Amino acid sequence: MPPIFKALASITAWILWIAGLVMGLSTLIIGIMAGRLFTTEAEPMSYYPISFAVALAYAVSAVVVMLLRKKME
């Protein structure tokens, strides 16, 4: 595999990984500050599960990209 593709795969993986961490942590912080994650009241949760799922998808995508990069060496 040419070095440019290795570099692009590494950059893509790091961008996905950092985006997933930032999105997951910011969703957690916003949910705690708004008082909607750790309350005993039953509120409709539409934004938070979707945001956590997208953050998880970014993190899993980063791992997949790095595994593909390793296999293509």
N, C-alpha and C. Protein backbone atom coordinates (compact mmCIF):
# COMPACT_ATOMS: atom_id res chain seq x y z
N MET A 1 0.84 -1.17 0.00
CA MET A 1 0.00 0.00 0.00
C MET A 1 0.89 1.24 0.00
N PRO A 2 0.61 2.18 -0.89
CA PRO A 2 1.42 3.40 -0.93
C PRO A 2 1.32 4.19 0.38
N PRO A 3 2.37 4.91 0.71
CA PRO A 3 2.38 5.64 1.99
C PRO A 3 1.28 6.70 2.10
N ILE A 4 0.86 7.27 0.96
CA ILE A 4 -0.18 8.29 1.03
C ILE A 4 -1.50 7.72 1.54
N PHE A 5 -1.80 6.47 1.15
CA PHE A 5 -3.04 5.85 1.61
C PHE A 5 -2.96 5.48 3.09
N LYS A 6 -1.77 5.10 3.55
CA LYS A 6 -1.58 4.84 4.98
C LYS A 6 -1.81 6.11 5.78
N ALA A 7 -1.26 7.20 5.27
CA ALA A 7 -1.42 8.48 5.97
C ALA A 7 -2.88 8.92 5.98
N LEU A 8 -3.56 8.78 4.86
CA LEU A 8 -4.97 9.16 4.79
C LEU A 8 -5.83 8.30 5.71
N ALA A 9 -5.52 7.01 5.76
CA ALA A 9 -6.28 6.12 6.65
C ALA A 9 -6.04 6.48 8.11
N SER A 10 -4.80 6.80 8.45
CA SER A 10 -4.49 7.19 9.83
C SER A 10 -5.18 8.49 10.21
N ILE A 11 -5.14 9.47 9.30
CA ILE A 11 -5.79 10.75 9.57
C ILE A 11 -7.30 10.56 9.72
N THR A 12 -7.89 9.76 8.85
CA THR A 12 -9.33 9.51 8.93
C THR A 12 -9.69 8.82 10.24
N ALA A 13 -8.90 7.84 10.63
CA ALA A 13 -9.17 7.12 11.88
C ALA A 13 -9.07 8.05 13.08
N TRP A 14 -8.05 8.89 13.11
CA TRP A 14 -7.90 9.82 14.23
C TRP A 14 -9.05 10.83 14.26
N ILE A 15 -9.47 11.33 13.11
CA ILE A 15 -10.59 12.28 13.07
C ILE A 15 -11.86 11.62 13.58
N LEU A 16 -12.12 10.39 13.13
CA LEU A 16 -13.32 9.68 13.60
C LEU A 16 -13.26 9.40 15.10
N TRP A 17 -12.10 9.00 15.59
CA TRP A 17 -11.94 8.68 17.00
C TRP A 17 -12.14 9.92 17.87
N ILE A 18 -11.51 11.03 17.50
CA ILE A 18 -11.63 12.25 18.28
C ILE A 18 -13.06 12.79 18.21
N ALA A 19 -13.67 12.73 17.03
CA ALA A 19 -15.05 13.20 16.89
C ALA A 19 -16.00 12.35 17.75
N GLY A 20 -15.78 11.06 17.79
CA GLY A 20 -16.61 10.19 18.63
C GLY A 20 -16.46 10.50 20.11
N LEU A 21 -15.22 10.71 20.56
CA LEU A 21 -15.00 11.04 21.97
C LEU A 21 -15.60 12.38 22.33
N VAL A 22 -15.38 13.38 21.49
CA VAL A 22 -15.92 14.71 21.78
C VAL A 22 -17.44 14.69 21.77
N MET A 23 -18.03 14.01 20.81
CA MET A 23 -19.48 13.97 20.74
C MET A 23 -20.07 13.22 21.94
N GLY A 24 -19.48 12.10 22.30
CA GLY A 24 -19.98 11.34 23.44
C GLY A 24 -19.85 12.09 24.75
N LEU A 25 -18.70 12.70 24.98
CA LEU A 25 -18.51 13.45 26.23
C LEU A 25 -19.36 14.71 26.28
N SER A 26 -19.48 15.41 25.15
CA SER A 26 -20.31 16.62 25.16
C SER A 26 -21.78 16.27 25.37
N THR A 27 -22.24 15.17 24.81
CA THR A 27 -23.62 14.74 25.03
C THR A 27 -23.84 14.38 26.50
N LEU A 28 -22.87 13.71 27.09
CA LEU A 28 -22.97 13.36 28.50
C LEU A 28 -22.99 14.61 29.37
N ILE A 29 -22.11 15.55 29.11
CA ILE A 29 -22.04 16.78 29.90
C ILE A 29 -23.32 17.61 29.75
N ILE A 30 -23.79 17.75 28.51
CA ILE A 30 -25.02 18.52 28.29
C ILE A 30 -26.21 17.84 28.97
N GLY A 31 -26.27 16.52 28.90
CA GLY A 31 -27.35 15.80 29.55
C GLY A 31 -27.33 15.94 31.06
N ILE A 32 -26.14 15.94 31.65
CA ILE A 32 -26.02 16.11 33.09
C ILE A 32 -26.38 17.53 33.49
N MET A 33 -25.87 18.50 32.73
CA MET A 33 -26.15 19.90 33.06
C MET A 33 -27.63 20.24 32.89
N ALA A 34 -28.27 19.64 31.90
CA ALA A 34 -29.70 19.88 31.71
C ALA A 34 -30.54 19.12 32.73
N GLY A 35 -29.95 18.15 33.40
CA GLY A 35 -30.65 17.39 34.43
C GLY A 35 -31.59 16.35 33.86
N ARG A 36 -31.31 15.85 32.67
CA ARG A 36 -32.21 14.89 32.05
C ARG A 36 -31.67 13.46 32.04
N LEU A 37 -30.41 13.27 32.32
CA LEU A 37 -29.87 11.91 32.27
C LEU A 37 -30.02 11.16 33.58
N PHE A 38 -29.81 11.83 34.69
CA PHE A 38 -29.80 11.14 35.98
C PHE A 38 -30.94 11.62 36.87
N THR A 39 -32.13 11.65 36.33
CA THR A 39 -33.29 12.02 37.13
C THR A 39 -34.21 10.81 37.29
N THR A 40 -35.10 10.91 38.24
CA THR A 40 -36.05 9.82 38.44
C THR A 40 -37.32 10.03 37.63
N GLU A 41 -37.48 11.21 37.05
CA GLU A 41 -38.66 11.49 36.23
C GLU A 41 -38.54 10.80 34.88
N ALA A 42 -39.66 10.39 34.37
CA ALA A 42 -39.67 9.75 33.06
C ALA A 42 -39.89 10.81 31.98
N GLU A 43 -38.82 11.12 31.27
CA GLU A 43 -38.91 12.09 30.19
C GLU A 43 -38.64 11.39 28.87
N PRO A 44 -39.23 11.88 27.81
CA PRO A 44 -38.90 11.29 26.52
C PRO A 44 -37.45 11.60 26.15
N MET A 45 -36.71 10.57 25.84
CA MET A 45 -35.30 10.73 25.52
C MET A 45 -35.12 10.54 24.02
N SER A 46 -35.10 11.60 23.30
CA SER A 46 -34.94 11.44 21.86
C SER A 46 -33.55 11.86 21.40
N TYR A 47 -33.00 12.90 21.97
CA TYR A 47 -31.72 13.43 21.50
C TYR A 47 -30.54 12.63 22.02
N TYR A 48 -30.55 12.28 23.28
CA TYR A 48 -29.38 11.68 23.91
C TYR A 48 -29.04 10.28 23.37
N PRO A 49 -29.99 9.38 23.23
CA PRO A 49 -29.62 8.06 22.68
C PRO A 49 -29.11 8.14 21.25
N ILE A 50 -29.68 9.03 20.46
CA ILE A 50 -29.21 9.17 19.08
C ILE A 50 -27.78 9.71 19.06
N SER A 51 -27.49 10.68 19.90
CA SER A 51 -26.14 11.25 19.94
C SER A 51 -25.12 10.22 20.43
N PHE A 52 -25.50 9.45 21.45
CA PHE A 52 -24.59 8.41 21.92
C PHE A 52 -24.37 7.33 20.85
N ALA A 53 -25.41 7.00 20.11
CA ALA A 53 -25.28 6.00 19.04
C ALA A 53 -24.37 6.51 17.92
N VAL A 54 -24.49 7.76 17.57
CA VAL A 54 -23.63 8.32 16.53
C VAL A 54 -22.18 8.38 17.01
N ALA A 55 -21.97 8.76 18.27
CA ALA A 55 -20.62 8.77 18.83
C ALA A 55 -20.02 7.37 18.84
N LEU A 56 -20.82 6.38 19.19
CA LEU A 56 -20.34 4.99 19.16
C LEU A 56 -20.03 4.54 17.74
N ALA A 57 -20.85 4.96 16.79
CA ALA A 57 -20.60 4.61 15.39
C ALA A 57 -19.30 5.22 14.89
N TYR A 58 -19.01 6.47 15.30
CA TYR A 58 -17.74 7.09 14.93
C TYR A 58 -16.56 6.30 15.50
N ALA A 59 -16.66 5.92 16.76
CA ALA A 59 -15.57 5.19 17.40
C ALA A 59 -15.36 3.82 16.76
N VAL A 60 -16.44 3.13 16.47
CA VAL A 60 -16.33 1.82 15.82
C VAL A 60 -15.77 1.97 14.41
N SER A 61 -16.19 3.01 13.72
CA SER A 61 -15.65 3.27 12.37
C SER A 61 -14.15 3.53 12.41
N ALA A 62 -13.70 4.23 13.43
CA ALA A 62 -12.26 4.49 13.56
C ALA A 62 -11.49 3.19 13.76
N VAL A 63 -12.03 2.30 14.57
CA VAL A 63 -11.37 1.01 14.79
C VAL A 63 -11.36 0.19 13.51
N VAL A 64 -12.46 0.20 12.77
CA VAL A 64 -12.53 -0.54 11.51
C VAL A 64 -11.52 0.00 10.50
N VAL A 65 -11.40 1.32 10.41
CA VAL A 65 -10.45 1.92 9.48
C VAL A 65 -9.02 1.52 9.85
N MET A 66 -8.69 1.52 11.13
CA MET A 66 -7.34 1.12 11.53
C MET A 66 -7.09 -0.37 11.27
N LEU A 67 -8.09 -1.21 11.47
CA LEU A 67 -7.92 -2.62 11.17
C LEU A 67 -7.74 -2.84 9.67
N LEU A 68 -8.49 -2.12 8.87
CA LEU A 68 -8.32 -2.23 7.42
C LEU A 68 -6.96 -1.74 6.98
N ARG A 69 -6.48 -0.68 7.61
CA ARG A 69 -5.15 -0.16 7.30
C ARG A 69 -4.08 -1.20 7.60
N LYS A 70 -4.23 -1.87 8.74
CA LYS A 70 -3.24 -2.90 9.11
C LYS A 70 -3.27 -4.09 8.13
N LYS A 71 -4.47 -4.46 7.68
CA LYS A 71 -4.58 -5.60 6.77
C LYS A 71 -4.05 -5.29 5.38
N MET A 72 -4.07 -4.04 4.99
CA MET A 72 -3.64 -3.67 3.64
C MET A 72 -2.14 -3.43 3.55
N GLU A 73 -1.40 -3.58 4.63
CA GLU A 73 0.05 -3.38 4.59
C GLU A 73 0.76 -4.48 3.87
